[in-house]
Amino acid sequence: MPPKRIREAIQKTSESRLLICEECSWHSKNYKTVRPDAHCTHCGCTLSAKTKCLSCSCPINKWEAVATEEEAEELKKHEK
């Protein structure tokens, strides 16, 4: 997959996941927190990073991984 298509796939996946996270009751916007970033108050993940990880899944099953760790590593090699 060409680097541009990899970036587009990551962006599309992230956008979709962020929409799910925005509606989740664990989203940091629903809590008083000292962290300035949007994050999950259940697992502590920074949403801007976690949602871009193709081999990551939500620990409370709101969204699933779309690639294995091996596949994600292989894509990273081709992105450069």
N, C-alpha and C. Protein backbone atom coordinates (compact mmCIF):
# COMPACT_ATOMS: atom_id res chain seq x y z
N MET A 1 0.86 -1.18 0.00
CA MET A 1 0.00 0.00 0.00
C MET A 1 0.90 1.24 0.00
N PRO A 2 0.65 2.18 -0.90
CA PRO A 2 1.45 3.41 -0.95
C PRO A 2 1.30 4.23 0.34
N PRO A 3 2.36 4.98 0.69
CA PRO A 3 2.32 5.78 1.93
C PRO A 3 1.10 6.68 2.06
N LYS A 4 0.70 7.31 0.97
CA LYS A 4 -0.47 8.21 1.03
C LYS A 4 -1.73 7.44 1.42
N ARG A 5 -1.90 6.24 0.88
CA ARG A 5 -3.08 5.42 1.20
C ARG A 5 -3.02 4.94 2.64
N ILE A 6 -1.82 4.68 3.15
CA ILE A 6 -1.66 4.27 4.54
C ILE A 6 -2.10 5.41 5.46
N ARG A 7 -1.61 6.62 5.17
CA ARG A 7 -2.00 7.79 5.97
C ARG A 7 -3.50 8.02 5.92
N GLU A 8 -4.10 7.86 4.74
CA GLU A 8 -5.54 8.04 4.60
C GLU A 8 -6.32 6.99 5.39
N ALA A 9 -5.84 5.75 5.38
CA ALA A 9 -6.50 4.68 6.13
C ALA A 9 -6.42 4.94 7.64
N ILE A 10 -5.25 5.39 8.08
CA ILE A 10 -5.09 5.71 9.50
C ILE A 10 -6.01 6.86 9.89
N GLN A 11 -6.07 7.89 9.06
CA GLN A 11 -6.92 9.06 9.34
C GLN A 11 -8.38 8.66 9.39
N LYS A 12 -8.82 7.87 8.43
CA LYS A 12 -10.22 7.44 8.37
C LYS A 12 -10.57 6.59 9.60
N THR A 13 -9.69 5.69 9.95
CA THR A 13 -9.89 4.84 11.14
C THR A 13 -9.96 5.69 12.40
N SER A 14 -9.03 6.63 12.52
CA SER A 14 -8.99 7.50 13.69
C SER A 14 -10.26 8.34 13.81
N GLU A 15 -10.71 8.91 12.71
CA GLU A 15 -11.92 9.74 12.73
C GLU A 15 -13.14 8.92 13.18
N SER A 16 -13.25 7.74 12.65
CA SER A 16 -14.37 6.86 13.02
C SER A 16 -14.33 6.51 14.51
N ARG A 17 -13.15 6.17 14.98
CA ARG A 17 -12.99 5.81 16.39
C ARG A 17 -13.23 7.00 17.32
N LEU A 18 -12.73 8.18 16.91
CA LEU A 18 -12.94 9.37 17.74
C LEU A 18 -14.41 9.70 17.90
N LEU A 19 -15.20 9.49 16.85
CA LEU A 19 -16.65 9.72 16.95
C LEU A 19 -17.25 8.80 18.01
N ILE A 20 -16.81 7.56 18.04
CA ILE A 20 -17.30 6.61 19.04
C ILE A 20 -16.87 7.07 20.44
N CYS A 21 -15.62 7.47 20.55
CA CYS A 21 -15.09 7.92 21.85
C CYS A 21 -15.82 9.17 22.36
N GLU A 22 -16.14 10.07 21.44
CA GLU A 22 -16.86 11.30 21.82
C GLU A 22 -18.18 11.00 22.51
N GLU A 23 -18.82 9.92 22.12
CA GLU A 23 -20.12 9.53 22.69
C GLU A 23 -20.00 8.66 23.94
N CYS A 24 -18.80 8.23 24.25
CA CYS A 24 -18.58 7.31 25.37
C CYS A 24 -18.63 8.05 26.71
N SER A 25 -19.23 7.42 27.69
CA SER A 25 -19.33 8.04 29.02
C SER A 25 -17.97 8.15 29.71
N TRP A 26 -16.96 7.43 29.25
CA TRP A 26 -15.62 7.48 29.85
C TRP A 26 -14.75 8.59 29.26
N HIS A 27 -15.24 9.31 28.26
CA HIS A 27 -14.47 10.40 27.65
C HIS A 27 -14.17 11.46 28.70
N SER A 28 -12.97 12.00 28.68
CA SER A 28 -12.53 12.97 29.69
C SER A 28 -13.38 14.23 29.73
N LYS A 29 -14.07 14.55 28.65
CA LYS A 29 -14.92 15.75 28.66
C LYS A 29 -16.05 15.63 29.69
N ASN A 30 -16.33 14.41 30.10
CA ASN A 30 -17.41 14.17 31.07
C ASN A 30 -16.92 14.18 32.52
N TYR A 31 -15.64 14.44 32.71
CA TYR A 31 -15.05 14.40 34.07
C TYR A 31 -14.20 15.62 34.30
N LYS A 32 -14.05 15.96 35.56
CA LYS A 32 -13.13 17.02 35.94
C LYS A 32 -11.76 16.35 36.07
N THR A 33 -10.83 16.76 35.24
CA THR A 33 -9.52 16.13 35.21
C THR A 33 -8.43 17.19 35.03
N VAL A 34 -7.24 16.91 35.50
CA VAL A 34 -6.14 17.86 35.36
C VAL A 34 -5.44 17.75 34.02
N ARG A 35 -5.67 16.66 33.30
CA ARG A 35 -5.04 16.48 32.00
C ARG A 35 -5.72 17.37 30.96
N PRO A 36 -4.93 18.08 30.15
CA PRO A 36 -5.51 18.96 29.13
C PRO A 36 -5.95 18.24 27.86
N ASP A 37 -5.47 17.01 27.67
CA ASP A 37 -5.77 16.28 26.43
C ASP A 37 -7.07 15.49 26.54
N ALA A 38 -7.66 15.19 25.38
CA ALA A 38 -8.82 14.30 25.35
C ALA A 38 -8.30 12.89 25.61
N HIS A 39 -8.86 12.24 26.61
CA HIS A 39 -8.39 10.91 26.97
C HIS A 39 -9.52 10.07 27.54
N CYS A 40 -9.26 8.78 27.62
CA CYS A 40 -10.22 7.85 28.20
C CYS A 40 -9.96 7.78 29.70
N THR A 41 -10.97 8.04 30.49
CA THR A 41 -10.78 7.98 31.93
C THR A 41 -10.86 6.55 32.46
N HIS A 42 -11.23 5.61 31.61
CA HIS A 42 -11.25 4.20 32.00
C HIS A 42 -9.84 3.61 31.91
N CYS A 43 -9.17 3.80 30.78
CA CYS A 43 -7.85 3.19 30.59
C CYS A 43 -6.71 4.21 30.63
N GLY A 44 -7.02 5.49 30.49
CA GLY A 44 -5.99 6.53 30.55
C GLY A 44 -5.35 6.86 29.21
N CYS A 45 -5.78 6.23 28.15
CA CYS A 45 -5.18 6.46 26.83
C CYS A 45 -5.47 7.86 26.30
N THR A 46 -4.48 8.45 25.65
CA THR A 46 -4.66 9.69 24.93
C THR A 46 -5.35 9.33 23.62
N LEU A 47 -6.53 9.87 23.40
CA LEU A 47 -7.35 9.45 22.28
C LEU A 47 -6.75 9.78 20.92
N SER A 48 -6.06 10.90 20.80
CA SER A 48 -5.47 11.25 19.50
C SER A 48 -4.43 10.23 19.06
N ALA A 49 -3.77 9.59 19.99
CA ALA A 49 -2.77 8.56 19.65
C ALA A 49 -3.41 7.18 19.54
N LYS A 50 -4.19 6.81 20.53
CA LYS A 50 -4.77 5.45 20.58
C LYS A 50 -5.64 5.17 19.36
N THR A 51 -6.41 6.15 18.92
CA THR A 51 -7.32 5.91 17.80
C THR A 51 -6.60 5.75 16.47
N LYS A 52 -5.33 6.17 16.41
CA LYS A 52 -4.54 6.03 15.18
C LYS A 52 -3.79 4.71 15.13
N CYS A 53 -3.77 3.98 16.19
CA CYS A 53 -3.07 2.70 16.26
C CYS A 53 -3.94 1.61 15.63
N LEU A 54 -3.55 1.14 14.46
CA LEU A 54 -4.37 0.17 13.74
C LEU A 54 -4.44 -1.19 14.43
N SER A 55 -3.42 -1.52 15.22
CA SER A 55 -3.42 -2.81 15.91
C SER A 55 -3.99 -2.72 17.33
N CYS A 56 -4.44 -1.54 17.71
CA CYS A 56 -5.02 -1.35 19.04
C CYS A 56 -6.53 -1.52 19.01
N SER A 57 -7.07 -1.92 20.13
CA SER A 57 -8.52 -2.00 20.28
C SER A 57 -8.90 -1.28 21.57
N CYS A 58 -10.15 -0.90 21.66
CA CYS A 58 -10.65 -0.25 22.86
C CYS A 58 -10.75 -1.31 23.96
N PRO A 59 -10.22 -1.03 25.14
CA PRO A 59 -10.27 -2.01 26.21
C PRO A 59 -11.67 -2.30 26.74
N ILE A 60 -12.64 -1.46 26.40
CA ILE A 60 -14.02 -1.74 26.81
C ILE A 60 -14.89 -2.08 25.59
N ASN A 61 -14.21 -2.53 24.53
CA ASN A 61 -14.85 -3.07 23.33
C ASN A 61 -15.77 -2.12 22.57
N LYS A 62 -15.41 -0.84 22.53
CA LYS A 62 -16.18 0.12 21.75
C LYS A 62 -15.77 0.05 20.28
N TRP A 63 -14.50 -0.31 20.01
CA TRP A 63 -14.00 -0.52 18.65
C TRP A 63 -12.85 -1.51 18.69
N GLU A 64 -12.65 -2.18 17.55
CA GLU A 64 -11.67 -3.27 17.46
C GLU A 64 -10.45 -2.86 16.63
N ALA A 65 -9.39 -3.63 16.77
CA ALA A 65 -8.20 -3.47 15.94
C ALA A 65 -8.57 -3.79 14.50
N VAL A 66 -7.93 -3.12 13.56
CA VAL A 66 -8.18 -3.40 12.14
C VAL A 66 -6.97 -4.07 11.50
N ALA A 67 -5.91 -4.29 12.28
CA ALA A 67 -4.71 -4.96 11.79
C ALA A 67 -4.03 -5.65 12.96
N THR A 68 -3.27 -6.69 12.66
CA THR A 68 -2.48 -7.33 13.69
C THR A 68 -1.26 -6.44 13.97
N GLU A 69 -0.55 -6.70 15.05
CA GLU A 69 0.67 -5.93 15.33
C GLU A 69 1.68 -6.08 14.20
N GLU A 70 1.78 -7.30 13.66
CA GLU A 70 2.72 -7.55 12.57
C GLU A 70 2.34 -6.75 11.33
N GLU A 71 1.06 -6.72 11.01
CA GLU A 71 0.60 -5.96 9.84
C GLU A 71 0.84 -4.47 10.04
N ALA A 72 0.59 -3.97 11.24
CA ALA A 72 0.81 -2.55 11.53
C ALA A 72 2.29 -2.20 11.40
N GLU A 73 3.17 -3.07 11.88
CA GLU A 73 4.61 -2.83 11.76
C GLU A 73 5.03 -2.82 10.29
N GLU A 74 4.49 -3.73 9.51
CA GLU A 74 4.80 -3.80 8.08
C GLU A 74 4.34 -2.52 7.38
N LEU A 75 3.17 -2.02 7.73
CA LEU A 75 2.67 -0.78 7.13
C LEU A 75 3.58 0.39 7.48
N LYS A 76 4.08 0.43 8.72
CA LYS A 76 4.98 1.51 9.14
C LYS A 76 6.23 1.55 8.28
N LYS A 77 6.74 0.37 7.92
CA LYS A 77 7.94 0.29 7.08
C LYS A 77 7.69 0.94 5.72
N HIS A 78 6.49 0.78 5.18
CA HIS A 78 6.17 1.29 3.85
C HIS A 78 5.74 2.75 3.88
N GLU A 79 5.44 3.26 5.06
CA GLU A 79 4.97 4.63 5.17
C GLU A 79 6.09 5.63 4.99
N LYS A 80 7.30 5.24 5.27
CA LYS A 80 8.44 6.17 5.25
C LYS A 80 8.90 6.53 3.86
